[in-house]
């Protein structure tokens, strides 16, 4: 197959990409002089995808919550009983995998034997092996993991937070599912999900490092199994989410030394992807830093009053169908932190944002983007997550340039609405 070359004239980065006849999207990014190579083989399939219609079918398939994460675990089982991690270790590769709300990814990093590791990655992800006996065994293992998360304060404050924001969107459900939901998983359901979401036309391979493009492509083409690509997209069925939050406040008691909190705002401007979504993300990144960054007035006030410590952080998370701002930290008085932040937002709404702050912070956001180029893992994850939202990371500069102070001011007015604010707290037992 022929790859297309694209160059980012601002960063001078180059990427080679194309779609294999199997439907697999391939991206190869040479980084001369880098010691580590990183590869991610990912499918656009996460914990929210429990109801869908397979291309070519008419009936709806509904599977238990947690099955995407369960499937990720089971992919390491091999028909010959071998251990995939041992194969990577043989070639000095460090392998891992993860399941998020919208993606499942298999990956490795290596400083040598890159092509052997790449071959291993491609082979095992295309070789599912599930039996009812092994599934039953895994139910016990993942059940223990679920129980462990039930006692994890940081995990619970986050999912309690999502439960406040969302009434119906499955993003509020825990990625691993529940003890009850995983008990309904069997090998037939795993193969059903694998054959749907692991069709290569729903997958992307990204390889970055000091690699030869032609040799890398040769290894990839030699290890792609026969696959009949879908002629249409998988239809994912999600419930219609109301614009209103589910509830404004939730608290829980767990074993913590100090109360931890997560507050934030539900984003009701959703339903689109591509560069429009990227532009919103850049606008929100600027706003988050302006309002809650270490140089902001609210951070200074909270810190000087002893209401927060170094754990304080704020970020914006987005997907085409949902998005939210999250502000988290430790505090002896989470309610007071919440009240001060809302008071600050009211003040900004009355006085307006500072254009000088905007110009300064916009440069900071650009610097953050440039820094991702220095970490192959960070860059790969950023690139892939955006690709699955129909965003080309190479378009970042053009979209970034188009962001104006007026855009950010409008975004502030639309997003930071008190009726969409929630607070999740974990208090000590």
Protein backbone atom coordinates (compact mmCIF):
# COMPACT_ATOMS: atom_id res chain seq x y z
CA UNK A 1 0.00 0.00 0.00
CA UNK A 2 1.04 3.62 -0.50
CA UNK A 3 1.25 6.02 2.40
CA UNK A 4 0.60 9.75 2.16
CA UNK A 5 3.13 12.10 3.70
CA UNK A 6 1.99 15.14 5.65
CA UNK A 7 4.22 17.78 7.22
CA UNK A 8 3.52 20.22 10.02
CA UNK A 9 5.39 23.31 8.86
CA UNK A 10 5.26 24.89 12.31
CA UNK A 11 6.77 21.97 14.25
CA UNK A 12 8.53 20.39 11.22
CA UNK A 13 7.03 17.03 12.18
CA UNK A 14 6.19 14.51 9.46
CA UNK A 15 3.62 11.75 9.47
CA UNK A 16 2.85 9.00 6.96
CA UNK A 17 -0.67 7.62 6.84
CA UNK A 18 -3.03 5.51 4.83
CA UNK A 19 -5.85 2.98 4.99
CA UNK A 20 -5.01 -0.66 4.38
CA UNK A 21 -7.33 -2.79 2.24
CA UNK A 22 -8.45 -4.43 5.50
CA UNK A 23 -9.81 -1.05 6.60
CA UNK A 24 -7.09 -0.47 9.20
CA UNK A 25 -5.98 3.15 9.50
CA UNK A 26 -2.19 3.35 9.80
CA UNK A 27 -0.11 6.29 11.05
CA UNK A 28 3.69 6.19 11.18
CA UNK A 29 5.57 9.14 12.67
CA UNK A 30 9.38 9.04 12.49
CA UNK A 31 11.17 10.91 15.32
CA UNK A 32 14.88 10.98 14.56
CA UNK A 33 17.15 10.74 17.56
CA UNK A 34 14.52 9.45 19.97
CA UNK A 35 15.56 6.37 21.90
CA UNK A 36 12.08 5.06 22.61
CA UNK A 37 9.54 3.83 20.08
CA UNK A 38 5.91 3.64 21.06
CA UNK A 39 3.10 1.83 19.25
CA UNK A 40 -0.65 1.82 20.00
CA UNK A 41 -3.13 -0.53 18.33
CA UNK A 42 -6.54 0.86 19.27
CA UNK A 43 -10.19 0.26 18.59
CA UNK A 44 -12.93 2.88 18.78
CA UNK A 45 -14.72 0.91 21.46
CA UNK A 46 -15.15 1.76 25.10
CA UNK A 47 -17.34 1.25 28.12
CA UNK A 48 -20.18 3.41 26.75
CA UNK A 49 -20.70 1.12 23.73
CA UNK A 50 -23.03 -1.48 25.22
CA UNK A 51 -25.89 -1.04 22.74
CA UNK A 52 -25.27 -1.18 18.99
CA UNK A 53 -26.27 -2.48 15.57
CA UNK A 54 -23.65 -4.46 13.66
CA UNK A 55 -23.18 -3.30 10.04
CA UNK A 56 -25.30 -5.46 7.76
CA UNK A 57 -27.78 -6.34 10.52
CA UNK A 58 -31.08 -4.81 11.58
CA UNK A 59 -31.41 -5.99 15.16
CA UNK A 60 -30.01 -4.18 18.19
CA UNK A 61 -27.39 -5.97 20.25
CA UNK A 62 -27.24 -5.05 23.95
CA UNK A 63 -24.44 -6.42 26.11
CA UNK A 64 -23.63 -6.20 29.84
CA UNK A 65 -21.86 -3.14 31.24
CA UNK A 66 -18.13 -3.68 31.63
CA UNK A 67 -17.73 -6.01 28.65
CA UNK A 68 -15.25 -3.77 26.77
CA UNK A 69 -12.92 -3.80 29.78
CA UNK A 70 -13.51 -7.54 30.26
CA UNK A 71 -12.62 -8.17 26.61
CA UNK A 72 -9.39 -6.18 26.98
CA UNK A 73 -8.36 -8.46 29.87
CA UNK A 74 -9.18 -11.61 27.92
CA UNK A 75 -7.16 -10.57 24.86
CA UNK A 76 -3.98 -11.56 26.67
CA UNK A 77 -5.09 -15.23 26.70
CA UNK A 78 -3.53 -17.14 23.81
CA UNK A 79 -4.71 -20.40 22.21
CA UNK A 80 -1.37 -22.11 22.95
CA UNK A 81 -1.48 -21.07 26.60
CA UNK A 82 1.50 -18.73 26.24
CA UNK A 83 1.86 -15.41 28.02
CA UNK A 84 1.90 -12.34 25.76
CA UNK A 85 3.95 -10.36 28.27
CA UNK A 86 6.69 -13.01 28.11
CA UNK A 87 6.89 -12.52 24.34
CA UNK A 88 7.35 -8.77 24.74
CA UNK A 89 9.89 -9.29 27.52
CA UNK A 90 11.90 -11.52 25.20
CA UNK A 91 12.37 -8.52 22.90
CA UNK A 92 12.76 -5.94 25.65
CA UNK A 93 9.29 -4.48 25.11
CA UNK A 94 7.13 -2.98 27.84
CA UNK A 95 3.51 -3.83 27.01
CA UNK A 96 0.21 -2.67 28.45
CA UNK A 97 -3.44 -2.01 27.59
CA UNK A 98 -6.30 0.14 28.80
CA UNK A 99 -10.02 0.66 28.34
CA UNK A 100 -11.56 4.11 28.60
CA UNK A 101 -15.09 5.34 27.99
CA UNK A 102 -14.55 5.52 24.21
CA UNK A 103 -11.42 3.54 23.35
CA UNK A 104 -9.60 0.28 24.01
CA UNK A 105 -5.87 0.38 23.32
CA UNK A 106 -3.03 -2.14 23.26
CA UNK A 107 0.47 -0.77 23.33
CA UNK A 108 4.16 -1.24 23.86
CA UNK A 109 7.28 0.87 24.23
CA UNK A 110 10.75 -0.34 23.34
CA UNK A 111 14.28 0.91 22.74
CA UNK A 112 15.33 -2.12 20.67
CA UNK A 113 13.81 -4.98 18.64
CA UNK A 114 11.02 -2.61 17.65
CA UNK A 115 9.82 -4.65 14.69
CA UNK A 116 9.70 -7.88 16.72
CA UNK A 117 7.61 -6.09 19.33
CA UNK A 118 5.36 -4.61 16.65
CA UNK A 119 4.82 -8.04 15.15
CA UNK A 120 3.90 -9.39 18.59
CA UNK A 121 1.42 -6.57 19.16
CA UNK A 122 -0.31 -7.09 15.83
CA UNK A 123 -0.47 -10.85 16.20
CA UNK A 124 -1.99 -11.14 19.66
CA UNK A 125 -4.61 -8.41 19.22
CA UNK A 126 -5.83 -10.25 16.11
CA UNK A 127 -5.92 -13.65 17.87
CA UNK A 128 -8.83 -13.81 20.30
CA UNK A 129 -9.26 -16.94 22.39
CA UNK A 130 -12.17 -17.18 24.79
CA UNK A 131 -13.66 -20.20 26.55
CA UNK A 132 -16.49 -20.26 29.07
CA UNK A 133 -14.10 -21.74 31.62
CA UNK A 134 -11.56 -18.93 31.23
CA UNK A 135 -14.34 -16.34 31.25
CA UNK A 136 -15.66 -17.68 34.55
CA UNK A 137 -12.17 -17.47 36.04
CA UNK A 138 -11.80 -13.88 34.82
CA UNK A 139 -15.12 -12.94 36.40
CA UNK A 140 -13.57 -13.67 39.78
CA UNK A 141 -10.46 -11.63 38.99
CA UNK A 142 -12.35 -8.60 37.68
CA UNK A 143 -14.84 -8.93 40.53
CA UNK A 144 -11.95 -8.39 42.95
CA UNK A 145 -10.86 -5.37 40.90
CA UNK A 146 -14.37 -3.89 41.10
CA UNK A 147 -14.46 -4.37 44.88
CA UNK A 148 -11.06 -2.69 45.13
CA UNK A 149 -12.37 0.33 43.20
CA UNK A 150 -15.33 0.52 45.60
CA UNK A 151 -12.85 1.47 48.32
CA UNK A 152 -10.80 3.85 46.15
CA UNK A 153 -11.73 7.40 47.17
CA UNK A 154 -10.34 9.07 44.03
CA UNK A 155 -12.25 6.63 41.83
CA UNK A 156 -15.50 7.06 43.74
CA UNK A 157 -15.36 10.86 43.90
CA UNK A 158 -15.00 10.86 40.10
CA UNK A 159 -17.85 8.49 39.29
CA UNK A 160 -20.08 10.11 41.90
CA UNK A 161 -19.28 13.38 40.10
CA UNK A 162 -20.30 11.91 36.74
CA UNK A 163 -23.45 10.56 38.36
CA UNK A 164 -24.32 14.12 39.34
CA UNK A 165 -23.70 15.47 35.85
CA UNK A 166 -25.49 12.83 33.80
CA UNK A 167 -28.96 11.37 34.02
CA UNK A 168 -28.77 8.79 31.23
CA UNK A 169 -25.44 8.98 29.39
CA UNK A 170 -23.53 5.71 30.01
CA UNK A 171 -20.36 7.70 30.76
CA UNK A 172 -21.67 7.83 34.33
CA UNK A 173 -21.30 4.02 34.62
CA UNK A 174 -18.07 2.52 35.91
CA UNK A 175 -15.79 1.20 33.17
CA UNK A 176 -15.34 -2.25 34.72
CA UNK A 177 -19.08 -2.71 35.23
CA UNK A 178 -20.56 -4.29 38.35
CA UNK A 179 -20.32 -7.73 39.93
CA UNK A 180 -23.82 -8.43 38.61
CA UNK A 181 -23.21 -7.15 35.05
CA UNK A 182 -19.97 -9.09 34.48
CA UNK A 183 -21.63 -12.27 35.74
CA UNK A 184 -23.74 -12.18 32.54
CA UNK A 185 -20.68 -12.21 30.23
CA UNK A 186 -19.83 -15.41 28.37
CA UNK A 187 -17.49 -16.37 25.53
CA UNK A 188 -20.24 -15.98 22.91
CA UNK A 189 -20.82 -12.35 23.90
CA UNK A 190 -17.08 -11.65 23.91
CA UNK A 191 -16.71 -12.98 20.37
CA UNK A 192 -19.78 -10.95 19.35
CA UNK A 193 -18.15 -7.75 20.61
CA UNK A 194 -14.73 -8.67 19.28
CA UNK A 195 -16.01 -9.42 15.77
CA UNK A 196 -17.87 -6.11 15.76
CA UNK A 197 -15.53 -3.59 17.32
CA UNK A 198 -12.21 -5.26 16.50
CA UNK A 199 -12.99 -5.29 12.81
CA UNK A 200 -9.91 -3.55 11.41
CA UNK A 201 -12.05 -0.88 9.76
CA UNK A 202 -12.89 0.29 13.32
CA UNK A 203 -9.23 0.28 14.41
CA UNK A 204 -6.17 2.50 14.14
CA UNK A 205 -2.46 1.74 14.49
CA UNK A 206 -0.09 4.53 15.48
CA UNK A 207 3.69 4.02 15.60
CA UNK A 208 6.07 6.79 16.65
CA UNK A 209 9.83 6.80 17.23
CA UNK A 210 13.18 6.56 15.46
CA UNK A 211 11.90 4.09 12.88
CA UNK A 212 12.19 3.48 9.17
CA UNK A 213 8.82 4.15 7.56
CA UNK A 214 9.13 1.56 4.78
CA UNK A 215 10.36 -1.18 7.12
CA UNK A 216 7.62 -0.41 9.63
CA UNK A 217 4.95 -0.58 6.93
CA UNK A 218 6.41 -3.86 5.68
CA UNK A 219 6.08 -5.41 9.14
CA UNK A 220 2.53 -4.12 9.47
CA UNK A 221 1.40 -5.43 6.08
CA UNK A 222 3.01 -8.82 6.76
CA UNK A 223 1.07 -9.23 10.00
CA UNK A 224 -2.41 -7.98 9.15
CA UNK A 225 -4.77 -10.92 8.99
CA UNK A 226 -7.51 -11.27 6.41
CA UNK A 227 -10.37 -8.99 7.33
CA UNK A 228 -13.57 -8.05 5.57
CA UNK A 229 -13.96 -4.33 6.32
CA UNK A 230 -17.36 -2.99 7.23
CA UNK A 231 -18.95 -1.02 4.41
CA UNK A 232 -20.71 1.21 6.90
CA UNK A 233 -20.07 2.39 10.44
CA UNK A 234 -21.19 0.53 13.53
CA UNK A 235 -24.38 2.18 14.79
CA UNK A 236 -23.86 3.01 18.45
CA UNK A 237 -27.07 3.62 20.37
CA UNK A 238 -26.95 6.01 23.31
CA UNK A 239 -29.88 7.30 25.34
CA UNK A 240 -30.84 10.93 24.79
CA UNK A 241 -29.26 12.94 27.57
CA UNK A 242 -31.29 15.82 29.05
CA UNK A 243 -29.50 19.14 29.29
CA UNK A 244 -30.20 19.31 33.03
CA UNK A 245 -27.83 17.76 35.57
CA UNK A 246 -28.96 14.70 37.54
CA UNK A 247 -28.30 16.29 40.94
CA UNK A 248 -26.19 19.10 42.34
CA UNK A 249 -24.49 17.36 45.26
CA UNK A 250 -23.37 13.96 46.48
CA UNK A 251 -21.19 12.87 49.36
CA UNK A 252 -19.82 9.56 50.57
CA UNK A 253 -17.69 8.44 53.50
CA UNK A 254 -14.52 6.44 52.92
CA UNK A 255 -11.14 5.98 54.55
CA UNK A 256 -9.42 9.29 53.70
CA UNK A 257 -7.28 11.55 55.87
CA UNK A 258 -8.87 14.73 54.50
CA UNK A 259 -12.05 15.35 52.47
CA UNK A 260 -11.52 15.19 48.71
CA UNK A 261 -13.79 16.87 46.21
CA UNK A 262 -14.57 17.19 42.53
CA UNK A 263 -16.76 19.97 41.26
CA UNK A 264 -17.51 21.04 37.75
CA UNK A 265 -19.90 22.01 35.01
CA UNK A 266 -21.85 19.94 32.51
CA UNK A 267 -21.26 21.05 28.92
CA UNK A 268 -24.54 21.14 27.03
CA UNK A 269 -22.95 22.26 23.74
CA UNK A 270 -22.40 18.79 22.27
CA UNK A 271 -23.24 16.68 19.22
CA UNK A 272 -20.41 17.54 16.84
CA UNK A 273 -16.82 16.52 16.11
CA UNK A 274 -13.91 17.54 13.83
CA UNK A 275 -12.19 20.91 13.98
CA UNK A 276 -15.22 22.57 15.51
CA UNK A 277 -14.75 20.28 18.50
CA UNK A 278 -11.01 20.95 18.56
CA UNK A 279 -11.67 24.69 18.60
CA UNK A 280 -13.99 24.30 21.57
CA UNK A 281 -11.31 22.28 23.35
CA UNK A 282 -8.70 25.00 22.80
CA UNK A 283 -11.12 27.68 23.99
CA UNK A 284 -11.87 25.68 27.13
CA UNK A 285 -8.17 24.99 27.77
CA UNK A 286 -7.54 28.73 27.74
CA UNK A 287 -10.50 29.40 30.04
CA UNK A 288 -9.52 26.69 32.53
CA UNK A 289 -6.04 28.19 32.88
CA UNK A 290 -7.36 31.75 33.10
CA UNK A 291 -9.90 30.91 35.79
CA UNK A 292 -8.27 28.14 37.83
CA UNK A 293 -4.57 27.98 36.91
CA UNK A 294 -1.78 28.52 39.44
CA UNK A 295 -1.60 32.19 38.45
CA UNK A 296 -5.33 32.84 38.79
CA UNK A 297 -7.02 34.99 41.43
CA UNK A 298 -9.22 32.15 42.66
CA UNK A 299 -6.26 29.82 43.12
CA UNK A 300 -4.41 32.47 45.11
CA UNK A 301 -7.46 33.13 47.33
CA UNK A 302 -8.12 29.46 48.01
CA UNK A 303 -4.47 28.71 48.71
CA UNK A 304 -3.92 31.69 51.01
CA UNK A 305 -7.00 30.73 53.04
CA UNK A 306 -5.61 27.21 53.44
CA UNK A 307 -8.59 25.75 51.61
CA UNK A 308 -6.56 23.84 49.02
CA UNK A 309 -3.10 22.31 48.69
CA UNK A 310 -0.85 21.16 45.84
CA UNK A 311 -3.41 18.57 44.74
CA UNK A 312 -5.71 21.21 43.28
CA UNK A 313 -6.24 20.73 39.54
CA UNK A 314 -8.72 21.61 36.81
CA UNK A 315 -9.29 20.20 33.33
CA UNK A 316 -11.77 19.97 30.50
CA UNK A 317 -12.78 16.57 29.11
CA UNK A 318 -14.64 16.20 25.85
CA UNK A 319 -16.16 13.78 23.43
CA UNK A 320 -18.64 14.55 20.63
CA UNK A 321 -21.60 13.41 22.77
CA UNK A 322 -20.56 14.67 26.21
CA UNK A 323 -18.13 17.06 27.85
CA UNK A 324 -17.50 18.63 31.23
CA UNK A 325 -15.16 20.73 33.33
CA UNK A 326 -13.73 19.06 36.44
CA UNK A 327 -12.01 20.85 39.33
CA UNK A 328 -10.61 18.59 42.03
CA UNK A 329 -8.51 18.59 45.15
CA UNK A 330 -8.33 18.09 48.90
CA UNK A 331 -9.91 20.50 51.37
CA UNK A 332 -11.19 20.59 54.93
CA UNK A 333 -14.14 22.58 53.59
CA UNK A 334 -15.11 21.51 50.03
CA UNK A 335 -18.38 23.45 50.21
CA UNK A 336 -16.50 26.69 50.86
CA UNK A 337 -14.16 25.98 47.91
CA UNK A 338 -17.25 25.42 45.76
CA UNK A 339 -18.86 28.65 46.95
CA UNK A 340 -15.73 30.73 46.34
CA UNK A 341 -15.33 29.35 42.82
CA UNK A 342 -18.97 30.12 41.98
CA UNK A 343 -18.56 33.60 43.46
CA UNK A 344 -15.51 34.17 41.25
CA UNK A 345 -17.43 33.03 38.17
CA UNK A 346 -20.23 35.48 39.00
CA UNK A 347 -17.65 38.24 39.33
CA UNK A 348 -16.12 37.43 35.96
CA UNK A 349 -19.58 37.36 34.42
CA UNK A 350 -20.18 40.89 35.71
CA UNK A 351 -16.75 42.39 34.95
CA UNK A 352 -15.74 40.34 31.91
CA UNK A 353 -12.59 38.39 31.17
CA UNK A 354 -9.20 40.07 30.92
CA UNK A 355 -7.93 40.37 27.35
CA UNK A 356 -4.34 40.59 28.62
CA UNK A 357 -4.81 37.32 30.51
CA UNK A 358 -6.26 35.77 27.37
CA UNK A 359 -3.25 36.75 25.24
CA UNK A 360 -0.83 35.42 27.86
CA UNK A 361 -2.66 32.17 28.54
CA UNK A 362 -3.21 31.47 24.85
CA UNK A 363 0.59 31.33 24.49
CA UNK A 364 0.76 28.97 27.47
CA UNK A 365 -1.71 26.61 25.79
CA UNK A 366 0.39 26.67 22.62
CA UNK A 367 3.43 25.79 24.71
CA UNK A 368 1.57 22.83 26.20
CA UNK A 369 0.82 21.59 22.69
CA UNK A 370 4.47 21.90 21.65
CA UNK A 371 5.58 19.97 24.75
CA UNK A 372 3.51 16.95 23.74
CA UNK A 373 5.91 16.53 20.80
CA UNK A 374 8.74 15.74 23.21
CA UNK A 375 7.01 12.72 24.74
CA UNK A 376 6.16 9.94 22.29
CA UNK A 377 3.59 8.40 24.64
CA UNK A 378 1.81 11.67 25.34
CA UNK A 379 1.77 12.54 21.66
CA UNK A 380 0.46 9.12 20.62
CA UNK A 381 -2.41 9.22 23.10
CA UNK A 382 -3.36 12.79 22.17
CA UNK A 383 -3.22 11.99 18.45
CA UNK A 384 -5.28 8.81 18.74
CA UNK A 385 -7.97 10.20 21.01
CA UNK A 386 -8.49 13.06 18.55
CA UNK A 387 -8.44 10.82 15.48
CA UNK A 388 -11.42 8.93 16.92
CA UNK A 389 -13.20 12.30 17.12
CA UNK A 390 -12.37 13.05 13.46
CA UNK A 391 -9.73 15.59 14.48
CA UNK A 392 -6.31 15.74 12.82
CA UNK A 393 -3.73 16.80 15.42
CA UNK A 394 -1.71 18.37 12.60
CA UNK A 395 -4.53 20.90 12.19
CA UNK A 396 -3.97 22.20 15.71
CA UNK A 397 -2.08 25.36 14.73
CA UNK A 398 -4.61 26.52 12.15
CA UNK A 399 -7.48 26.00 14.59
CA UNK A 400 -5.50 27.57 17.45
CA UNK A 401 -4.81 30.70 15.37
CA UNK A 402 -8.53 31.13 14.73
CA UNK A 403 -9.42 31.31 18.45
CA UNK A 404 -10.21 34.90 19.47
CA UNK A 405 -10.86 36.65 22.77
CA UNK A 406 -14.50 37.02 21.72
CA UNK A 407 -14.75 33.26 21.12
CA UNK A 408 -13.43 32.54 24.61
CA UNK A 409 -15.77 35.11 26.19
CA UNK A 410 -18.77 33.50 24.48
CA UNK A 411 -17.59 30.06 25.57
CA UNK A 412 -17.34 31.28 29.18
CA UNK A 413 -20.92 32.61 29.09
CA UNK A 414 -22.26 29.38 27.64
CA UNK A 415 -20.33 26.89 29.75
CA UNK A 416 -20.05 28.26 33.28
CA UNK A 417 -23.76 28.21 34.10
CA UNK A 418 -24.48 27.66 37.80
CA UNK A 419 -27.49 25.49 37.09
CA UNK A 420 -25.06 23.02 35.46
CA UNK A 421 -22.65 23.00 38.44
CA UNK A 422 -22.20 19.94 40.66
CA UNK A 423 -20.11 18.96 43.69
CA UNK A 424 -18.96 15.47 44.71
CA UNK A 425 -17.30 15.00 48.12
CA UNK A 426 -15.65 12.08 49.89
CA UNK A 427 -15.50 12.67 53.64
CA UNK A 428 -13.46 10.72 56.19
CA UNK A 429 -15.25 7.85 57.93
